[in-house]
Amino acid sequence: LVYRRGPEPLPGEMAVGPEIGVSGELAAFAALIRGEGPAVFKLLLGCAGWAPGQLEGEISAGGWLPTTVRANLVLDASVASAWDEAYHETVGADPAAFSSQRGKA
């Protein structure tokens, strides 16, 4: 679960920046169903993993663009536009501004 943190933490809550909380605890999901947590949340399913040092190597190679966690992008932006919005906020330009295909028919 990814959600905007409230005054009372959900079970297993880990803070991600000042506004966002995450929890993988079933008790946290149960609390949301009972209406005992934030009204806005995302339930994400999946798994990602890296070998030791792999993520650091990918960041050093420019494969990732680290940025500040912002609740508006994580919780309010549409899935279709979140990446473009995050890129624009971080770099100051749209991703298409760096395309070699721009202006070609």
PDB file of N, CA and C in Angstrom:
ATOM      1  N   LEU A   1       0.836  -1.172   0.000  1.00  0.00           N
ATOM      2  CA  LEU A   1       0.000   0.000   0.000  1.00  0.00           C
ATOM      3  C   LEU A   1       0.883   1.237   0.000  1.00  0.00           C
ATOM      4  N   VAL A   2       0.508   2.198  -0.811  1.00  0.00           N
ATOM      5  CA  VAL A   2       1.167   3.507  -0.839  1.00  0.00           C
ATOM      6  C   VAL A   2       0.072   4.520  -0.548  1.00  0.00           C
ATOM      7  N   TYR A   3       0.307   5.429   0.378  1.00  0.00           N
ATOM      8  CA  TYR A   3      -0.768   6.327   0.807  1.00  0.00           C
ATOM      9  C   TYR A   3      -0.182   7.608   1.405  1.00  0.00           C
ATOM     10  N   ARG A   4      -1.053   8.613   1.517  1.00  0.00           N
ATOM     11  CA  ARG A   4      -0.679   9.860   2.191  1.00  0.00           C
ATOM     12  C   ARG A   4      -0.789   9.599   3.686  1.00  0.00           C
ATOM     13  N   ARG A   5       0.311   9.822   4.394  1.00  0.00           N
ATOM     14  CA  ARG A   5       0.376   9.533   5.822  1.00  0.00           C
ATOM     15  C   ARG A   5      -0.588  10.401   6.611  1.00  0.00           C
ATOM     16  N   GLY A   6      -1.153   9.810   7.656  1.00  0.00           N
ATOM     17  CA  GLY A   6      -2.057  10.528   8.540  1.00  0.00           C
ATOM     18  C   GLY A   6      -1.448  10.677   9.920  1.00  0.00           C
ATOM     19  N   PRO A   7      -2.246  11.179  10.856  1.00  0.00           N
ATOM     20  CA  PRO A   7      -1.719  11.381  12.212  1.00  0.00           C
ATOM     21  C   PRO A   7      -1.380  10.066  12.915  1.00  0.00           C
ATOM     22  N   GLU A   8      -2.104   8.992  12.589  1.00  0.00           N
ATOM     23  CA  GLU A   8      -1.833   7.686  13.177  1.00  0.00           C
ATOM     24  C   GLU A   8      -1.257   6.774  12.095  1.00  0.00           C
ATOM     25  N   PRO A   9      -0.091   6.188  12.330  1.00  0.00           N
ATOM     26  CA  PRO A   9       0.495   5.304  11.314  1.00  0.00           C
ATOM     27  C   PRO A   9      -0.307   4.019  11.152  1.00  0.00           C
ATOM     28  N   LEU A  10      -0.343   3.512   9.944  1.00  0.00           N
ATOM     29  CA  LEU A  10      -0.939   2.207   9.702  1.00  0.00           C
ATOM     30  C   LEU A  10       0.048   1.131  10.157  1.00  0.00           C
ATOM     31  N   PRO A  11      -0.436  -0.077  10.433  1.00  0.00           N
ATOM     32  CA  PRO A  11       0.479  -1.159  10.839  1.00  0.00           C
ATOM     33  C   PRO A  11       1.589  -1.361   9.811  1.00  0.00           C
ATOM     34  N   GLY A  12       2.819  -1.429  10.286  1.00  0.00           N
ATOM     35  CA  GLY A  12       3.968  -1.669   9.418  1.00  0.00           C
ATOM     36  C   GLY A  12       4.381  -0.476   8.572  1.00  0.00           C
ATOM     37  N   GLU A  13       3.877   0.696   8.881  1.00  0.00           N
ATOM     38  CA  GLU A  13       4.159   1.880   8.052  1.00  0.00           C
ATOM     39  C   GLU A  13       5.643   2.233   8.023  1.00  0.00           C
ATOM     40  N   MET A  14       6.121   2.507   6.809  1.00  0.00           N
ATOM     41  CA  MET A  14       7.455   3.060   6.600  1.00  0.00           C
ATOM     42  C   MET A  14       7.266   4.402   5.904  1.00  0.00           C
ATOM     43  N   ALA A  15       7.910   5.438   6.421  1.00  0.00           N
ATOM     44  CA  ALA A  15       7.802   6.768   5.820  1.00  0.00           C
ATOM     45  C   ALA A  15       8.673   6.848   4.579  1.00  0.00           C
ATOM     46  N   VAL A  16       8.105   7.395   3.523  1.00  0.00           N
ATOM     47  CA  VAL A  16       8.838   7.660   2.282  1.00  0.00           C
ATOM     48  C   VAL A  16       8.658   9.148   2.023  1.00  0.00           C
ATOM     49  N   GLY A  17       9.585   9.942   2.487  1.00  0.00           N
ATOM     50  CA  GLY A  17       9.415  11.388   2.413  1.00  0.00           C
ATOM     51  C   GLY A  17       8.457  11.834   3.500  1.00  0.00           C
ATOM     52  N   PRO A  18       8.179  13.136   3.549  1.00  0.00           N
ATOM     53  CA  PRO A  18       7.366  13.677   4.636  1.00  0.00           C
ATOM     54  C   PRO A  18       5.877  13.351   4.549  1.00  0.00           C
ATOM     55  N   GLU A  19       5.353  13.031   3.361  1.00  0.00           N
ATOM     56  CA  GLU A  19       3.913  12.851   3.210  1.00  0.00           C
ATOM     57  C   GLU A  19       3.463  11.428   2.899  1.00  0.00           C
ATOM     58  N   ILE A  20       4.337  10.590   2.395  1.00  0.00           N
ATOM     59  CA  ILE A  20       3.938   9.288   1.882  1.00  0.00           C
ATOM     60  C   ILE A  20       4.345   8.175   2.832  1.00  0.00           C
ATOM     61  N   GLY A  21       3.437   7.223   3.006  1.00  0.00           N
ATOM     62  CA  GLY A  21       3.719   6.027   3.775  1.00  0.00           C
ATOM     63  C   GLY A  21       3.533   4.807   2.898  1.00  0.00           C
ATOM     64  N   VAL A  22       4.245   3.749   3.222  1.00  0.00           N
ATOM     65  CA  VAL A  22       4.068   2.470   2.547  1.00  0.00           C
ATOM     66  C   VAL A  22       3.980   1.380   3.602  1.00  0.00           C
ATOM     67  N   SER A  23       3.196   0.362   3.298  1.00  0.00           N
ATOM     68  CA  SER A  23       3.090  -0.781   4.192  1.00  0.00           C
ATOM     69  C   SER A  23       2.712  -2.006   3.380  1.00  0.00           C
ATOM     70  N   GLY A  24       3.290  -3.115   3.735  1.00  0.00           N
ATOM     71  CA  GLY A  24       2.944  -4.382   3.120  1.00  0.00           C
ATOM     72  C   GLY A  24       2.173  -5.279   4.068  1.00  0.00           C
ATOM     73  N   GLU A  25       1.748  -4.719   5.179  1.00  0.00           N
ATOM     74  CA  GLU A  25       1.064  -5.508   6.203  1.00  0.00           C
ATOM     75  C   GLU A  25      -0.411  -5.714   5.867  1.00  0.00           C
ATOM     76  N   LEU A  26      -0.886  -6.932   6.006  1.00  0.00           N
ATOM     77  CA  LEU A  26      -2.295  -7.226   5.796  1.00  0.00           C
ATOM     78  C   LEU A  26      -3.165  -6.416   6.752  1.00  0.00           C
ATOM     79  N   ALA A  27      -2.679  -6.187   7.961  1.00  0.00           N
ATOM     80  CA  ALA A  27      -3.434  -5.403   8.943  1.00  0.00           C
ATOM     81  C   ALA A  27      -3.635  -3.959   8.473  1.00  0.00           C
ATOM     82  N   ALA A  28      -2.694  -3.413   7.707  1.00  0.00           N
ATOM     83  CA  ALA A  28      -2.847  -2.057   7.168  1.00  0.00           C
ATOM     84  C   ALA A  28      -3.961  -2.031   6.129  1.00  0.00           C
ATOM     85  N   PHE A  29      -3.999  -3.036   5.260  1.00  0.00           N
ATOM     86  CA  PHE A  29      -5.055  -3.125   4.261  1.00  0.00           C
ATOM     87  C   PHE A  29      -6.413  -3.291   4.934  1.00  0.00           C
ATOM     88  N   ALA A  30      -6.472  -4.127   5.957  1.00  0.00           N
ATOM     89  CA  ALA A  30      -7.718  -4.337   6.702  1.00  0.00           C
ATOM     90  C   ALA A  30      -8.194  -3.036   7.338  1.00  0.00           C
ATOM     91  N   ALA A  31      -7.260  -2.236   7.862  1.00  0.00           N
ATOM     92  CA  ALA A  31      -7.632  -0.952   8.464  1.00  0.00           C
ATOM     93  C   ALA A  31      -8.243  -0.022   7.414  1.00  0.00           C
ATOM     94  N   LEU A  32      -7.678  -0.018   6.211  1.00  0.00           N
ATOM     95  CA  LEU A  32      -8.244   0.821   5.149  1.00  0.00           C
ATOM     96  C   LEU A  32      -9.651   0.371   4.788  1.00  0.00           C
ATOM     97  N   ILE A  33      -9.857  -0.914   4.710  1.00  0.00           N
ATOM     98  CA  ILE A  33     -11.190  -1.441   4.383  1.00  0.00           C
ATOM     99  C   ILE A  33     -12.200  -1.033   5.451  1.00  0.00           C
ATOM    100  N   ARG A  34     -11.771  -0.991   6.701  1.00  0.00           N
ATOM    101  CA  ARG A  34     -12.659  -0.580   7.805  1.00  0.00           C
ATOM    102  C   ARG A  34     -12.835   0.933   7.862  1.00  0.00           C
ATOM    103  N   GLY A  35     -12.162   1.682   6.997  1.00  0.00           N
ATOM    104  CA  GLY A  35     -12.278   3.141   7.005  1.00  0.00           C
ATOM    105  C   GLY A  35     -11.436   3.795   8.068  1.00  0.00           C
ATOM    106  N   GLU A  36     -10.398   3.122   8.539  1.00  0.00           N
ATOM    107  CA  GLU A  36      -9.563   3.632   9.628  1.00  0.00           C
ATOM    108  C   GLU A  36      -8.245   4.212   9.130  1.00  0.00           C
ATOM    109  N   GLY A  37      -8.176   4.540   7.891  1.00  0.00           N
ATOM    110  CA  GLY A  37      -6.934   5.071   7.344  1.00  0.00           C
ATOM    111  C   GLY A  37      -7.227   6.139   6.307  1.00  0.00           C
ATOM    112  N   PRO A  38      -6.229   6.499   5.544  1.00  0.00           N
ATOM    113  CA  PRO A  38      -6.402   7.540   4.541  1.00  0.00           C
ATOM    114  C   PRO A  38      -7.380   7.110   3.442  1.00  0.00           C
ATOM    115  N   ALA A  39      -8.089   8.092   2.892  1.00  0.00           N
ATOM    116  CA  ALA A  39      -9.060   7.814   1.833  1.00  0.00           C
ATOM    117  C   ALA A  39      -8.372   7.596   0.490  1.00  0.00           C
ATOM    118  N   VAL A  40      -7.194   8.187   0.310  1.00  0.00           N
ATOM    119  CA  VAL A  40      -6.480   8.068  -0.964  1.00  0.00           C
ATOM    120  C   VAL A  40      -5.279   7.151  -0.773  1.00  0.00           C
ATOM    121  N   PHE A  41      -5.254   6.080  -1.543  1.00  0.00           N
ATOM    122  CA  PHE A  41      -4.136   5.150  -1.485  1.00  0.00           C
ATOM    123  C   PHE A  41      -4.058   4.392  -2.796  1.00  0.00           C
ATOM    124  N   LYS A  42      -2.935   3.732  -3.007  1.00  0.00           N
ATOM    125  CA  LYS A  42      -2.758   2.854  -4.162  1.00  0.00           C
ATOM    126  C   LYS A  42      -2.303   1.500  -3.645  1.00  0.00           C
ATOM    127  N   LEU A  43      -2.888   0.480  -4.205  1.00  0.00           N
ATOM    128  CA  LEU A  43      -2.481  -0.880  -3.896  1.00  0.00           C
ATOM    129  C   LEU A  43      -1.658  -1.361  -5.080  1.00  0.00           C
ATOM    130  N   LEU A  44      -0.395  -1.615  -4.848  1.00  0.00           N
ATOM    131  CA  LEU A  44       0.525  -2.026  -5.907  1.00  0.00           C
ATOM    132  C   LEU A  44       0.997  -3.441  -5.635  1.00  0.00           C
ATOM    133  N   LEU A  45       0.996  -4.248  -6.666  1.00  0.00           N
ATOM    134  CA  LEU A  45       1.444  -5.633  -6.533  1.00  0.00           C
ATOM    135  C   LEU A  45       2.618  -5.864  -7.463  1.00  0.00           C
ATOM    136  N   GLY A  46       3.622  -6.548  -6.985  1.00  0.00           N
ATOM    137  CA  GLY A  46       4.772  -6.860  -7.810  1.00  0.00           C
ATOM    138  C   GLY A  46       6.013  -6.999  -6.956  1.00  0.00           C
ATOM    139  N   CYS A  47       7.099  -7.224  -7.623  1.00  0.00           N
ATOM    140  CA  CYS A  47       8.354  -7.407  -6.926  1.00  0.00           C
ATOM    141  C   CYS A  47       9.492  -6.925  -7.818  1.00  0.00           C
ATOM    142  N   ALA A  48      10.436  -6.232  -7.250  1.00  0.00           N
ATOM    143  CA  ALA A  48      11.634  -5.806  -7.976  1.00  0.00           C
ATOM    144  C   ALA A  48      12.830  -6.100  -7.083  1.00  0.00           C
ATOM    145  N   GLY A  49      13.891  -6.536  -7.688  1.00  0.00           N
ATOM    146  CA  GLY A  49      15.074  -6.837  -6.898  1.00  0.00           C
ATOM    147  C   GLY A  49      16.332  -6.605  -7.710  1.00  0.00           C
ATOM    148  N   TRP A  50      17.402  -6.335  -7.015  1.00  0.00           N
ATOM    149  CA  TRP A  50      18.691  -6.083  -7.643  1.00  0.00           C
ATOM    150  C   TRP A  50      19.756  -6.888  -6.908  1.00  0.00           C
ATOM    151  N   ALA A  51      20.765  -7.285  -7.635  1.00  0.00           N
ATOM    152  CA  ALA A  51      21.929  -7.917  -7.027  1.00  0.00           C
ATOM    153  C   ALA A  51      22.701  -6.853  -6.249  1.00  0.00           C
ATOM    154  N   PRO A  52      23.560  -7.245  -5.313  1.00  0.00           N
ATOM    155  CA  PRO A  52      24.340  -6.249  -4.571  1.00  0.00           C
ATOM    156  C   PRO A  52      25.112  -5.331  -5.519  1.00  0.00           C
ATOM    157  N   GLY A  53      24.934  -4.025  -5.344  1.00  0.00           N
ATOM    158  CA  GLY A  53      25.638  -3.026  -6.150  1.00  0.00           C
ATOM    159  C   GLY A  53      25.022  -2.764  -7.513  1.00  0.00           C
ATOM    160  N   GLN A  54      24.048  -3.560  -7.932  1.00  0.00           N
ATOM    161  CA  GLN A  54      23.463  -3.395  -9.269  1.00  0.00           C
ATOM    162  C   GLN A  54      22.739  -2.059  -9.418  1.00  0.00           C
ATOM    163  N   LEU A  55      21.896  -1.699  -8.462  1.00  0.00           N
ATOM    164  CA  LEU A  55      21.148  -0.442  -8.564  1.00  0.00           C
ATOM    165  C   LEU A  55      22.100   0.750  -8.572  1.00  0.00           C
ATOM    166  N   GLU A  56      23.099   0.739  -7.703  1.00  0.00           N
ATOM    167  CA  GLU A  56      24.077   1.826  -7.675  1.00  0.00           C
ATOM    168  C   GLU A  56      24.783   1.960  -9.025  1.00  0.00           C
ATOM    169  N   GLY A  57      25.113   0.813  -9.644  1.00  0.00           N
ATOM    170  CA  GLY A  57      25.743   0.825 -10.960  1.00  0.00           C
ATOM    171  C   GLY A  57      24.830   1.388 -12.027  1.00  0.00           C
ATOM    172  N   GLU A  58      23.549   1.034 -11.970  1.00  0.00           N
ATOM    173  CA  GLU A  58      22.588   1.555 -12.943  1.00  0.00           C
ATOM    174  C   GLU A  58      22.412   3.067 -12.780  1.00  0.00           C
ATOM    175  N   ILE A  59      22.396   3.544 -11.541  1.00  0.00           N
ATOM    176  CA  ILE A  59      22.278   4.990 -11.305  1.00  0.00           C
ATOM    177  C   ILE A  59      23.521   5.698 -11.825  1.00  0.00           C
ATOM    178  N   SER A  60      24.702   5.154 -11.539  1.00  0.00           N
ATOM    179  CA  SER A  60      25.958   5.749 -12.021  1.00  0.00           C
ATOM    180  C   SER A  60      26.023   5.794 -13.542  1.00  0.00           C
ATOM    181  N   ALA A  61      25.432   4.797 -14.201  1.00  0.00           N
ATOM    182  CA  ALA A  61      25.445   4.736 -15.662  1.00  0.00           C
ATOM    183  C   ALA A  61      24.377   5.629 -16.295  1.00  0.00           C
ATOM    184  N   GLY A  62      23.553   6.279 -15.466  1.00  0.00           N
ATOM    185  CA  GLY A  62      22.510   7.162 -15.996  1.00  0.00           C
ATOM    186  C   GLY A  62      21.215   6.455 -16.323  1.00  0.00           C
ATOM    187  N   GLY A  63      21.057   5.223 -15.866  1.00  0.00           N
ATOM    188  CA  GLY A  63      19.837   4.468 -16.136  1.00  0.00           C
ATOM    189  C   GLY A  63      18.654   4.880 -15.282  1.00  0.00           C
ATOM    190  N   TRP A  64      18.896   5.649 -14.239  1.00  0.00           N
ATOM    191  CA  TRP A  64      17.850   6.131 -13.345  1.00  0.00           C
ATOM    192  C   TRP A  64      18.019   7.632 -13.170  1.00  0.00           C
ATOM    193  N   LEU A  65      16.933   8.308 -12.880  1.00  0.00           N
ATOM    194  CA  LEU A  65      16.961   9.737 -12.615  1.00  0.00           C
ATOM    195  C   LEU A  65      16.395   9.963 -11.215  1.00  0.00           C
ATOM    196  N   PRO A  66      17.247   9.857 -10.184  1.00  0.00           N
ATOM    197  CA  PRO A  66      16.750  10.039  -8.814  1.00  0.00           C
ATOM    198  C   PRO A  66      16.198  11.444  -8.615  1.00  0.00           C
ATOM    199  N   THR A  67      15.126  11.535  -7.849  1.00  0.00           N
ATOM    200  CA  THR A  67      14.499  12.820  -7.567  1.00  0.00           C
ATOM    201  C   THR A  67      13.819  12.763  -6.208  1.00  0.00           C
ATOM    202  N   THR A  68      13.348  13.877  -5.748  1.00  0.00           N
ATOM    203  CA  THR A  68      12.641  13.966  -4.476  1.00  0.00           C
ATOM    204  C   THR A  68      11.269  13.307  -4.611  1.00  0.00           C
ATOM    205  N   VAL A  69      10.852  12.597  -3.593  1.00  0.00           N
ATOM    206  CA  VAL A  69       9.526  11.987  -3.583  1.00  0.00           C
ATOM    207  C   VAL A  69       8.493  13.081  -3.363  1.00  0.00           C
ATOM    208  N   ARG A  70       7.507  13.138  -4.253  1.00  0.00           N
ATOM    209  CA  ARG A  70       6.447  14.140  -4.142  1.00  0.00           C
ATOM    210  C   ARG A  70       5.088  13.440  -4.176  1.00  0.00           C
ATOM    211  N   ALA A  71       4.304  13.671  -3.142  1.00  0.00           N
ATOM    212  CA  ALA A  71       3.011  13.006  -3.014  1.00  0.00           C
ATOM    213  C   ALA A  71       2.102  13.284  -4.204  1.00  0.00           C
ATOM    214  N   ASN A  72       2.163  14.488  -4.767  1.00  0.00           N
ATOM    215  CA  ASN A  72       1.275  14.794  -5.893  1.00  0.00           C
ATOM    216  C   ASN A  72       1.555  13.880  -7.081  1.00  0.00           C
ATOM    217  N   LEU A  73       2.806  13.524  -7.308  1.00  0.00           N
ATOM    218  CA  LEU A  73       3.131  12.638  -8.429  1.00  0.00           C
ATOM    219  C   LEU A  73       2.791  11.184  -8.119  1.00  0.00           C
ATOM    220  N   VAL A  74       3.037  10.762  -6.907  1.00  0.00           N
ATOM    221  CA  VAL A  74       2.812   9.366  -6.538  1.00  0.00           C
ATOM    222  C   VAL A  74       1.319   9.062  -6.393  1.00  0.00           C
ATOM    223  N   LEU A  75       0.574   9.984  -5.806  1.00  0.00           N
ATOM    224  CA  LEU A  75      -0.820   9.691  -5.477  1.00  0.00           C
ATOM    225  C   LEU A  75      -1.851  10.403  -6.338  1.00  0.00           C
ATOM    226  N   ASP A  76      -1.511  11.548  -6.904  1.00  0.00           N
ATOM    227  CA  ASP A  76      -2.522  12.336  -7.617  1.00  0.00           C
ATOM    228  C   ASP A  76      -2.405  12.282  -9.135  1.00  0.00           C
ATOM    229  N   ALA A  77      -1.213  12.107  -9.663  1.00  0.00           N
ATOM    230  CA  ALA A  77      -1.034  12.086 -11.117  1.00  0.00           C
ATOM    231  C   ALA A  77      -1.585  10.785 -11.689  1.00  0.00           C
ATOM    232  N   SER A  78      -2.070  10.851 -12.912  1.00  0.00           N
ATOM    233  CA  SER A  78      -2.559   9.634 -13.554  1.00  0.00           C
ATOM    234  C   SER A  78      -1.382   8.716 -13.870  1.00  0.00           C
ATOM    235  N   VAL A  79      -1.656   7.438 -13.961  1.00  0.00           N
ATOM    236  CA  VAL A  79      -0.614   6.472 -14.287  1.00  0.00           C
ATOM    237  C   VAL A  79       0.010   6.823 -15.639  1.00  0.00           C
ATOM    238  N   ALA A  80      -0.810   7.272 -16.570  1.00  0.00           N
ATOM    239  CA  ALA A  80      -0.333   7.575 -17.924  1.00  0.00           C
ATOM    240  C   ALA A  80       0.603   8.784 -17.967  1.00  0.00           C
ATOM    241  N   SER A  81       0.440   9.721 -17.024  1.00  0.00           N
ATOM    242  CA  SER A  81       1.231  10.949 -17.094  1.00  0.00           C
ATOM    243  C   SER A  81       2.282  11.102 -15.999  1.00  0.00           C
ATOM    244  N   ALA A  82       2.305  10.239 -15.004  1.00  0.00           N
ATOM    245  CA  ALA A  82       3.189  10.420 -13.845  1.00  0.00           C
ATOM    246  C   ALA A  82       4.662  10.489 -14.232  1.00  0.00           C
ATOM    247  N   TRP A  83       5.125   9.600 -15.114  1.00  0.00           N
ATOM    248  CA  TRP A  83       6.542   9.595 -15.482  1.00  0.00           C
ATOM    249  C   TRP A  83       6.921  10.893 -16.178  1.00  0.00           C
ATOM    250  N   ASP A  84       6.116  11.338 -17.147  1.00  0.00           N
ATOM    251  CA  ASP A  84       6.413  12.585 -17.852  1.00  0.00           C
ATOM    252  C   ASP A  84       6.406  13.783 -16.900  1.00  0.00           C
ATOM    253  N   GLU A  85       5.440  13.811 -15.977  1.00  0.00           N
ATOM    254  CA  GLU A  85       5.363  14.910 -15.013  1.00  0.00           C
ATOM    255  C   GLU A  85       6.578  14.918 -14.088  1.00  0.00           C
ATOM    256  N   ALA A  86       6.990  13.749 -13.602  1.00  0.00           N
ATOM    257  CA  ALA A  86       8.160  13.661 -12.727  1.00  0.00           C
ATOM    258  C   ALA A  86       9.420  14.101 -13.470  1.00  0.00           C
ATOM    259  N   TYR A  87       9.554  13.668 -14.708  1.00  0.00           N
ATOM    260  CA  TYR A  87      10.713  14.044 -15.519  1.00  0.00           C
ATOM    261  C   TYR A  87      10.755  15.559 -15.710  1.00  0.00           C
ATOM    262  N   HIS A  88       9.617  16.142 -16.055  1.00  0.00           N
ATOM    263  CA  HIS A  88       9.560  17.591 -16.286  1.00  0.00           C
ATOM    264  C   HIS A  88       9.885  18.372 -15.018  1.00  0.00           C
ATOM    265  N   GLU A  89       9.346  17.937 -13.882  1.00  0.00           N
ATOM    266  CA  GLU A  89       9.626  18.623 -12.615  1.00  0.00           C
ATOM    267  C   GLU A  89      11.100  18.515 -12.237  1.00  0.00           C
ATOM    268  N   THR A  90      11.727  17.388 -12.547  1.00  0.00           N
ATOM    269  CA  THR A  90      13.125  17.151 -12.170  1.00  0.00           C
ATOM    270  C   THR A  90      14.106  17.830 -13.118  1.00  0.00           C
ATOM    271  N   VAL A  91      13.865  17.706 -14.423  1.00  0.00           N
ATOM    272  CA  VAL A  91      14.809  18.193 -15.431  1.00  0.00           C
ATOM    273  C   VAL A  91      14.470  19.604 -15.904  1.00  0.00           C
ATOM    274  N   GLY A  92      13.177  19.951 -15.881  1.00  0.00           N
ATOM    275  CA  GLY A  92      12.754  21.269 -16.351  1.00  0.00           C
ATOM    276  C   GLY A  92      12.359  21.287 -17.815  1.00  0.00           C
ATOM    277  N   ALA A  93      12.251  20.111 -18.413  1.00  0.00           N
ATOM    278  CA  ALA A  93      11.843  19.999 -19.813  1.00  0.00           C
ATOM    279  C   ALA A  93      11.117  18.667 -19.978  1.00  0.00           C
ATOM    280  N   ASP A  94      10.342  18.578 -21.054  1.00  0.00           N
ATOM    281  CA  ASP A  94       9.663  17.330 -21.355  1.00  0.00           C
ATOM    282  C   ASP A  94      10.659  16.321 -21.921  1.00  0.00           C
ATOM    283  N   PRO A  95      10.425  15.016 -21.705  1.00  0.00           N
ATOM    284  CA  PRO A  95      11.340  14.003 -22.245  1.00  0.00           C
ATOM    285  C   PRO A  95      11.522  14.112 -23.755  1.00  0.00           C
ATOM    286  N   ALA A  96      10.488  14.509 -24.477  1.00  0.00           N
ATOM    287  CA  ALA A  96      10.568  14.614 -25.938  1.00  0.00           C
ATOM    288  C   ALA A  96      11.563  15.673 -26.387  1.00  0.00           C
ATOM    289  N   ALA A  97      11.925  16.603 -25.510  1.00  0.00           N
ATOM    290  CA  ALA A  97      12.876  17.656 -25.866  1.00  0.00           C
ATOM    291  C   ALA A  97      14.257  17.073 -26.167  1.00  0.00           C
ATOM    292  N   PHE A  98      14.507  15.844 -25.718  1.00  0.00           N
ATOM    293  CA  PHE A  98      15.813  15.226 -25.908  1.00  0.00           C
ATOM    294  C   PHE A  98      15.792  14.123 -26.962  1.00  0.00           C
ATOM    295  N   SER A  99      14.703  14.003 -27.692  1.00  0.00           N
ATOM    296  CA  SER A  99      14.573  12.963 -28.707  1.00  0.00           C
ATOM    297  C   SER A  99      15.271  13.349 -29.995  1.00  0.00           C
ATOM    298  N   SER A 100      15.953  12.409 -30.591  1.00  0.00           N
ATOM    299  CA  SER A 100      16.595  12.663 -31.881  1.00  0.00           C
ATOM    300  C   SER A 100      15.575  12.634 -33.021  1.00  0.00           C
ATOM    301  N   GLN A 101      14.350  12.247 -32.717  1.00  0.00           N
ATOM    302  CA  GLN A 101      13.296  12.151 -33.722  1.00  0.00           C
ATOM    303  C   GLN A 101      12.446  13.421 -33.818  1.00  0.00           C
ATOM    304  N   ARG A 102      12.683  14.392 -32.975  1.00  0.00           N
ATOM    305  CA  ARG A 102      11.864  15.597 -32.936  1.00  0.00           C
ATOM    306  C   ARG A 102      11.952  16.346 -34.261  1.00  0.00           C
ATOM    307  N   GLY A 103      10.811  16.703 -34.776  1.00  0.00           N
ATOM    308  CA  GLY A 103      10.771  17.500 -35.988  1.00  0.00           C
ATOM    309  C   GLY A 103      10.899  16.718 -37.272  1.00  0.00           C
ATOM    310  N   LYS A 104      11.070  15.410 -37.166  1.00  0.00           N
ATOM    311  CA  LYS A 104      11.195  14.582 -38.377  1.00  0.00           C
ATOM    312  C   LYS A 104       9.835  14.013 -38.747  1.00  0.00           C
ATOM    313  N   ALA A 105       9.592  13.879 -40.024  1.00  0.00           N
ATOM    314  CA  ALA A 105       8.300  13.350 -40.487  1.00  0.00           C
ATOM    315  C   ALA A 105       8.360  11.861 -40.598  1.00  0.00           C
TER     316      ALA A 105
END
